[in-house]
N, C-alpha and C. Protein backbone atom coordinates (compact mmCIF):
# COMPACT_ATOMS: atom_id res chain seq x y z
N MET A 1 -19.95 -30.83 -71.46
CA MET A 1 -20.66 -29.66 -71.01
C MET A 1 -20.16 -28.47 -71.81
N LYS A 2 -21.03 -27.73 -72.35
CA LYS A 2 -20.66 -26.49 -73.03
C LYS A 2 -20.20 -25.47 -72.01
N LYS A 3 -19.14 -24.75 -72.33
CA LYS A 3 -18.59 -23.76 -71.40
C LYS A 3 -19.62 -22.70 -71.01
N ASN A 4 -20.47 -22.31 -71.94
CA ASN A 4 -21.43 -21.25 -71.64
C ASN A 4 -22.54 -21.70 -70.68
N LEU A 5 -22.65 -22.99 -70.41
CA LEU A 5 -23.62 -23.47 -69.43
C LEU A 5 -23.29 -22.93 -68.04
N LEU A 6 -22.03 -22.66 -67.81
CA LEU A 6 -21.59 -22.12 -66.52
C LEU A 6 -22.25 -20.77 -66.23
N ASP A 7 -22.68 -20.07 -67.26
CA ASP A 7 -23.35 -18.77 -67.09
C ASP A 7 -24.67 -18.89 -66.34
N ILE A 8 -25.30 -20.07 -66.40
CA ILE A 8 -26.61 -20.22 -65.76
C ILE A 8 -26.61 -21.19 -64.58
N LEU A 9 -25.53 -21.91 -64.38
CA LEU A 9 -25.48 -22.88 -63.28
C LEU A 9 -25.26 -22.19 -61.93
N ALA A 10 -25.94 -22.73 -60.92
CA ALA A 10 -25.74 -22.29 -59.54
C ALA A 10 -25.51 -23.53 -58.69
N CYS A 11 -24.88 -23.35 -57.55
CA CYS A 11 -24.63 -24.46 -56.64
C CYS A 11 -25.96 -25.04 -56.16
N PRO A 12 -26.15 -26.35 -56.26
CA PRO A 12 -27.41 -26.94 -55.81
C PRO A 12 -27.59 -26.91 -54.29
N MET A 13 -26.51 -26.66 -53.56
CA MET A 13 -26.59 -26.66 -52.10
C MET A 13 -26.83 -25.25 -51.54
N CYS A 14 -26.04 -24.29 -51.95
CA CYS A 14 -26.16 -22.94 -51.37
C CYS A 14 -26.69 -21.90 -52.35
N LYS A 15 -26.91 -22.32 -53.60
CA LYS A 15 -27.46 -21.45 -54.66
C LYS A 15 -26.50 -20.35 -55.12
N ASN A 16 -25.22 -20.45 -54.77
CA ASN A 16 -24.23 -19.46 -55.18
C ASN A 16 -24.06 -19.46 -56.70
N HIS A 17 -23.85 -18.28 -57.24
CA HIS A 17 -23.55 -18.08 -58.66
C HIS A 17 -22.65 -16.85 -58.75
N PRO A 18 -21.65 -16.81 -59.54
CA PRO A 18 -21.17 -17.82 -60.48
C PRO A 18 -20.29 -18.86 -59.80
N LEU A 19 -20.07 -19.93 -60.53
CA LEU A 19 -19.23 -21.03 -60.06
C LEU A 19 -17.91 -21.01 -60.85
N GLU A 20 -16.91 -21.63 -60.28
CA GLU A 20 -15.58 -21.68 -60.91
C GLU A 20 -15.43 -22.97 -61.69
N LEU A 21 -14.92 -22.88 -62.90
CA LEU A 21 -14.70 -24.04 -63.76
C LEU A 21 -13.24 -24.44 -63.75
N ILE A 22 -13.00 -25.72 -63.54
CA ILE A 22 -11.65 -26.27 -63.62
C ILE A 22 -11.66 -27.29 -64.76
N GLU A 23 -10.97 -26.99 -65.82
CA GLU A 23 -10.93 -27.86 -66.99
C GLU A 23 -9.79 -28.86 -66.88
N ILE A 24 -10.08 -30.12 -67.13
CA ILE A 24 -9.04 -31.14 -67.23
C ILE A 24 -8.85 -31.53 -68.68
N LYS A 25 -9.96 -31.80 -69.34
CA LYS A 25 -9.91 -32.22 -70.74
C LYS A 25 -11.06 -31.53 -71.47
N SER A 26 -10.72 -30.85 -72.56
CA SER A 26 -11.75 -30.17 -73.33
C SER A 26 -11.44 -30.26 -74.82
N LYS A 27 -12.47 -30.06 -75.60
CA LYS A 27 -12.33 -30.04 -77.05
C LYS A 27 -13.25 -28.95 -77.57
N ASN A 28 -12.64 -27.95 -78.20
CA ASN A 28 -13.37 -26.79 -78.67
C ASN A 28 -14.09 -26.12 -77.51
N ASP A 29 -15.40 -26.11 -77.56
CA ASP A 29 -16.23 -25.43 -76.57
C ASP A 29 -16.80 -26.41 -75.53
N GLU A 30 -16.42 -27.68 -75.62
CA GLU A 30 -16.97 -28.72 -74.74
C GLU A 30 -15.95 -29.14 -73.67
N ILE A 31 -16.39 -29.13 -72.43
CA ILE A 31 -15.58 -29.66 -71.34
C ILE A 31 -15.89 -31.14 -71.23
N GLN A 32 -14.90 -31.98 -71.45
CA GLN A 32 -15.10 -33.42 -71.40
C GLN A 32 -14.89 -33.96 -70.00
N GLU A 33 -13.90 -33.40 -69.29
CA GLU A 33 -13.63 -33.77 -67.90
C GLU A 33 -13.18 -32.53 -67.15
N GLY A 34 -13.61 -32.46 -65.91
CA GLY A 34 -13.21 -31.33 -65.09
C GLY A 34 -14.02 -31.29 -63.81
N ALA A 35 -14.09 -30.11 -63.26
CA ALA A 35 -14.84 -29.92 -62.02
C ALA A 35 -15.42 -28.51 -62.00
N ILE A 36 -16.48 -28.38 -61.24
CA ILE A 36 -17.11 -27.09 -60.98
C ILE A 36 -16.96 -26.87 -59.49
N TYR A 37 -16.52 -25.68 -59.10
CA TYR A 37 -16.23 -25.40 -57.70
C TYR A 37 -17.06 -24.22 -57.22
N CYS A 38 -17.70 -24.39 -56.07
CA CYS A 38 -18.47 -23.32 -55.45
C CYS A 38 -17.58 -22.60 -54.44
N THR A 39 -17.31 -21.33 -54.68
CA THR A 39 -16.45 -20.57 -53.79
C THR A 39 -17.15 -20.20 -52.48
N SER A 40 -18.46 -20.35 -52.45
CA SER A 40 -19.21 -20.01 -51.23
C SER A 40 -19.20 -21.16 -50.22
N CYS A 41 -19.67 -22.34 -50.62
CA CYS A 41 -19.76 -23.46 -49.67
C CYS A 41 -18.59 -24.45 -49.81
N LYS A 42 -17.69 -24.18 -50.77
CA LYS A 42 -16.46 -24.97 -50.97
C LYS A 42 -16.71 -26.39 -51.47
N ARG A 43 -17.86 -26.62 -52.07
CA ARG A 43 -18.14 -27.94 -52.66
C ARG A 43 -17.64 -27.96 -54.09
N HIS A 44 -17.33 -29.16 -54.55
CA HIS A 44 -16.97 -29.35 -55.95
C HIS A 44 -17.93 -30.36 -56.56
N PHE A 45 -18.10 -30.24 -57.85
CA PHE A 45 -18.97 -31.13 -58.61
C PHE A 45 -18.20 -31.56 -59.85
N LEU A 46 -18.23 -32.82 -60.14
CA LEU A 46 -17.44 -33.37 -61.24
C LEU A 46 -18.11 -33.15 -62.59
N ILE A 47 -17.28 -33.10 -63.61
CA ILE A 47 -17.75 -33.16 -65.00
C ILE A 47 -17.14 -34.42 -65.57
N ILE A 48 -18.00 -35.38 -65.89
CA ILE A 48 -17.56 -36.69 -66.38
C ILE A 48 -18.25 -36.97 -67.71
N GLU A 49 -17.45 -37.26 -68.72
CA GLU A 49 -17.97 -37.54 -70.07
C GLU A 49 -18.93 -36.44 -70.52
N GLU A 50 -18.50 -35.19 -70.32
CA GLU A 50 -19.22 -33.97 -70.73
C GLU A 50 -20.47 -33.67 -69.90
N ILE A 51 -20.71 -34.42 -68.84
CA ILE A 51 -21.92 -34.22 -68.03
C ILE A 51 -21.54 -33.69 -66.64
N PRO A 52 -22.08 -32.50 -66.27
CA PRO A 52 -21.84 -32.00 -64.92
C PRO A 52 -22.69 -32.79 -63.92
N VAL A 53 -22.06 -33.37 -62.93
CA VAL A 53 -22.74 -34.18 -61.92
C VAL A 53 -22.93 -33.29 -60.68
N MET A 54 -24.05 -32.57 -60.66
CA MET A 54 -24.30 -31.58 -59.61
C MET A 54 -25.41 -32.07 -58.69
N LEU A 55 -25.07 -33.02 -57.86
CA LEU A 55 -26.04 -33.64 -56.96
C LEU A 55 -25.84 -33.16 -55.53
N PRO A 56 -26.93 -33.16 -54.74
CA PRO A 56 -26.78 -32.87 -53.31
C PRO A 56 -25.90 -33.93 -52.65
N ASP A 57 -25.33 -33.58 -51.51
CA ASP A 57 -24.38 -34.46 -50.83
C ASP A 57 -24.90 -35.88 -50.65
N GLU A 58 -26.13 -36.02 -50.24
CA GLU A 58 -26.66 -37.35 -49.93
C GLU A 58 -26.85 -38.24 -51.16
N LEU A 59 -26.81 -37.67 -52.36
CA LEU A 59 -26.98 -38.46 -53.58
C LEU A 59 -25.67 -38.67 -54.36
N ARG A 60 -24.60 -38.14 -53.84
CA ARG A 60 -23.32 -38.26 -54.54
C ARG A 60 -22.76 -39.67 -54.42
N ASP A 61 -22.06 -40.09 -55.46
CA ASP A 61 -21.44 -41.41 -55.51
C ASP A 61 -20.00 -41.28 -55.00
N LYS A 62 -19.79 -41.62 -53.75
CA LYS A 62 -18.49 -41.44 -53.11
C LYS A 62 -17.39 -42.21 -53.83
N LYS A 63 -17.69 -43.42 -54.25
CA LYS A 63 -16.69 -44.24 -54.94
C LYS A 63 -16.27 -43.59 -56.26
N GLN A 64 -17.25 -43.15 -57.04
CA GLN A 64 -16.96 -42.50 -58.31
C GLN A 64 -16.14 -41.22 -58.08
N GLU A 65 -16.53 -40.46 -57.08
CA GLU A 65 -15.82 -39.21 -56.77
C GLU A 65 -14.38 -39.49 -56.36
N ASP A 66 -14.18 -40.44 -55.47
CA ASP A 66 -12.82 -40.77 -55.01
C ASP A 66 -11.94 -41.25 -56.16
N GLU A 67 -12.49 -42.08 -57.04
CA GLU A 67 -11.73 -42.57 -58.19
C GLU A 67 -11.34 -41.42 -59.11
N PHE A 68 -12.27 -40.50 -59.36
CA PHE A 68 -12.00 -39.36 -60.23
C PHE A 68 -10.92 -38.47 -59.62
N LEU A 69 -11.03 -38.19 -58.32
CA LEU A 69 -10.06 -37.33 -57.65
C LEU A 69 -8.66 -37.98 -57.63
N LYS A 70 -8.62 -39.28 -57.39
CA LYS A 70 -7.34 -39.99 -57.38
C LYS A 70 -6.70 -39.97 -58.78
N LYS A 71 -7.51 -40.24 -59.79
CA LYS A 71 -7.02 -40.27 -61.17
C LYS A 71 -6.50 -38.90 -61.63
N ASN A 72 -7.13 -37.84 -61.16
CA ASN A 72 -6.80 -36.50 -61.62
C ASN A 72 -6.13 -35.62 -60.57
N LYS A 73 -5.54 -36.23 -59.55
CA LYS A 73 -4.99 -35.47 -58.43
C LYS A 73 -3.91 -34.47 -58.86
N ASP A 74 -3.18 -34.77 -59.91
CA ASP A 74 -2.14 -33.86 -60.37
C ASP A 74 -2.67 -32.75 -61.28
N LEU A 75 -3.93 -32.85 -61.68
CA LEU A 75 -4.52 -31.88 -62.60
C LEU A 75 -5.53 -30.96 -61.93
N LEU A 76 -5.91 -31.29 -60.71
CA LEU A 76 -6.91 -30.49 -59.98
C LEU A 76 -6.23 -29.66 -58.91
N PRO A 77 -6.80 -28.49 -58.60
CA PRO A 77 -6.20 -27.66 -57.55
C PRO A 77 -6.36 -28.31 -56.17
N GLU A 78 -5.47 -27.93 -55.28
CA GLU A 78 -5.46 -28.48 -53.93
C GLU A 78 -6.79 -28.25 -53.21
N LYS A 79 -7.45 -27.13 -53.49
CA LYS A 79 -8.72 -26.83 -52.81
C LYS A 79 -9.78 -27.89 -53.11
N ILE A 80 -9.67 -28.56 -54.22
CA ILE A 80 -10.62 -29.63 -54.53
C ILE A 80 -10.12 -30.95 -53.96
N ILE A 81 -8.86 -31.26 -54.15
CA ILE A 81 -8.32 -32.53 -53.66
C ILE A 81 -8.38 -32.62 -52.14
N ASN A 82 -7.95 -31.59 -51.45
CA ASN A 82 -7.82 -31.66 -49.99
C ASN A 82 -8.98 -31.05 -49.21
N GLN A 83 -9.67 -30.10 -49.79
CA GLN A 83 -10.66 -29.37 -49.02
C GLN A 83 -12.07 -29.46 -49.55
N GLY A 84 -12.28 -30.08 -50.70
CA GLY A 84 -13.61 -30.13 -51.27
C GLY A 84 -14.56 -30.92 -50.38
N LYS A 85 -15.80 -30.49 -50.31
CA LYS A 85 -16.81 -31.18 -49.53
C LYS A 85 -17.53 -32.15 -50.44
N PRO A 86 -18.15 -33.17 -49.95
CA PRO A 86 -18.22 -33.56 -48.55
C PRO A 86 -17.16 -34.58 -48.16
N TRP A 87 -16.37 -35.08 -49.11
CA TRP A 87 -15.52 -36.23 -48.81
C TRP A 87 -14.15 -35.88 -48.28
N HIS A 88 -13.63 -34.73 -48.58
CA HIS A 88 -12.22 -34.45 -48.30
C HIS A 88 -12.04 -33.24 -47.40
N LEU A 89 -12.73 -33.22 -46.28
CA LEU A 89 -12.59 -32.10 -45.34
C LEU A 89 -11.30 -32.19 -44.57
């Protein structure tokens, strides 16, 4: 995901803008792995293989999300690991 894409992205659930970017792995201007966090509704959305996965709650892949959070638990802020919706309330 190009960093400047964050300038136009809004939360798919509450429509909040701007969103917070958490980078885990990046190269130049591309975010390869990370998360996007909505400060309004407290949801997080993963960035996997440069693709932001910004799906509504009912379409999210819980297994993929849990694996990503477990793998990156030391690199992500507590607000995503412990408080991010919908899986970790």
